Amino acid sequence: MWAAIILACSLELDTCKNLANPDVYRTLDACLDSLGEGIVAAETNGWTVINYTCLNWKNRDLEMSV
């Protein structure tokens, strides 16, 4: 099971937040697809994406995408 996580900050980089889709994905590919959608949504709403990843809950390994 995978979770999509995005770190996004304001344009001034003085405010940051974690963006996470509440859905859990069965495959890494599905999680990465969700990240793509999430990045577009964050940037559309004025956030700067700093980093993003998929977390494998089974072994808690991160698949770093940056």
Protein backbone atom coordinates (compact mmCIF):
# COMPACT_ATOMS: atom_id res chain seq x y z
CA MET A 1 0.00 0.00 0.00
CA TRP A 2 1.33 3.39 -1.03
CA ALA A 3 0.64 6.98 0.10
CA ALA A 4 1.35 10.10 -1.99
CA ILE A 5 2.99 12.97 -0.08
CA ILE A 6 3.91 16.46 -1.31
CA LEU A 7 5.84 19.21 0.51
CA ALA A 8 4.68 22.60 -0.78
CA CYS A 9 5.53 26.14 0.27
CA SER A 10 4.20 29.61 -0.41
CA LEU A 11 5.98 31.65 -3.06
CA GLU A 12 7.83 33.50 -0.28
CA LEU A 13 8.86 30.10 1.21
CA ASP A 14 7.79 31.32 4.66
CA THR A 15 4.83 28.96 4.96
CA CYS A 16 5.03 25.27 4.08
CA LYS A 17 2.59 22.41 4.39
CA ASN A 18 2.30 18.72 3.76
CA LEU A 19 -0.22 17.76 1.09
CA ALA A 20 -1.36 14.16 1.13
CA ASN A 21 -4.14 12.45 -0.76
CA PRO A 22 -6.30 10.52 1.71
CA ASP A 23 -6.44 7.57 -0.70
CA VAL A 24 -4.04 4.65 -0.34
CA TYR A 25 -2.80 3.02 -3.55
CA ARG A 26 -2.06 -0.63 -4.24
CA THR A 27 0.79 0.06 -6.67
CA LEU A 28 3.68 2.50 -6.93
CA ASP A 29 2.53 3.48 -10.43
CA ALA A 30 -0.90 4.51 -9.13
CA CYS A 31 0.73 6.52 -6.36
CA LEU A 32 3.04 8.29 -8.82
CA ASP A 33 0.05 9.12 -11.03
CA SER A 34 -1.64 10.69 -8.00
CA LEU A 35 1.48 12.72 -7.28
CA GLY A 36 1.37 14.14 -10.80
CA GLU A 37 -2.21 15.29 -10.28
CA GLY A 38 -1.38 16.65 -6.83
CA ILE A 39 1.59 18.65 -8.09
CA VAL A 40 -0.54 20.30 -10.76
CA ALA A 41 -3.25 21.09 -8.20
CA ALA A 42 -0.76 22.55 -5.71
CA GLU A 43 0.90 24.76 -8.32
CA THR A 44 -2.49 25.87 -9.68
CA ASN A 45 -3.36 27.03 -6.16
CA GLY A 46 -0.18 29.11 -5.87
CA TRP A 47 2.05 26.69 -3.95
CA THR A 48 5.67 25.89 -4.86
CA VAL A 49 6.35 22.15 -4.74
CA ILE A 50 9.59 21.54 -2.85
CA ASN A 51 9.61 17.75 -2.83
CA TYR A 52 7.31 14.77 -3.28
CA THR A 53 7.40 11.05 -2.67
CA CYS A 54 5.42 7.85 -2.34
CA LEU A 55 5.58 6.02 0.99
CA ASN A 56 5.32 2.23 0.99
CA TRP A 57 3.40 1.46 4.19
CA LYS A 58 4.36 -2.21 4.07
CA ASN A 59 8.05 -1.60 4.71
CA ARG A 60 7.95 2.19 5.18
CA ASP A 61 10.42 2.76 2.35
CA LEU A 62 10.22 6.00 0.44
CA GLU A 63 10.31 6.08 -3.34
CA MET A 64 11.96 9.45 -3.88
CA SER A 65 10.72 11.03 -7.06
CA VAL A 66 12.88 14.14 -7.08
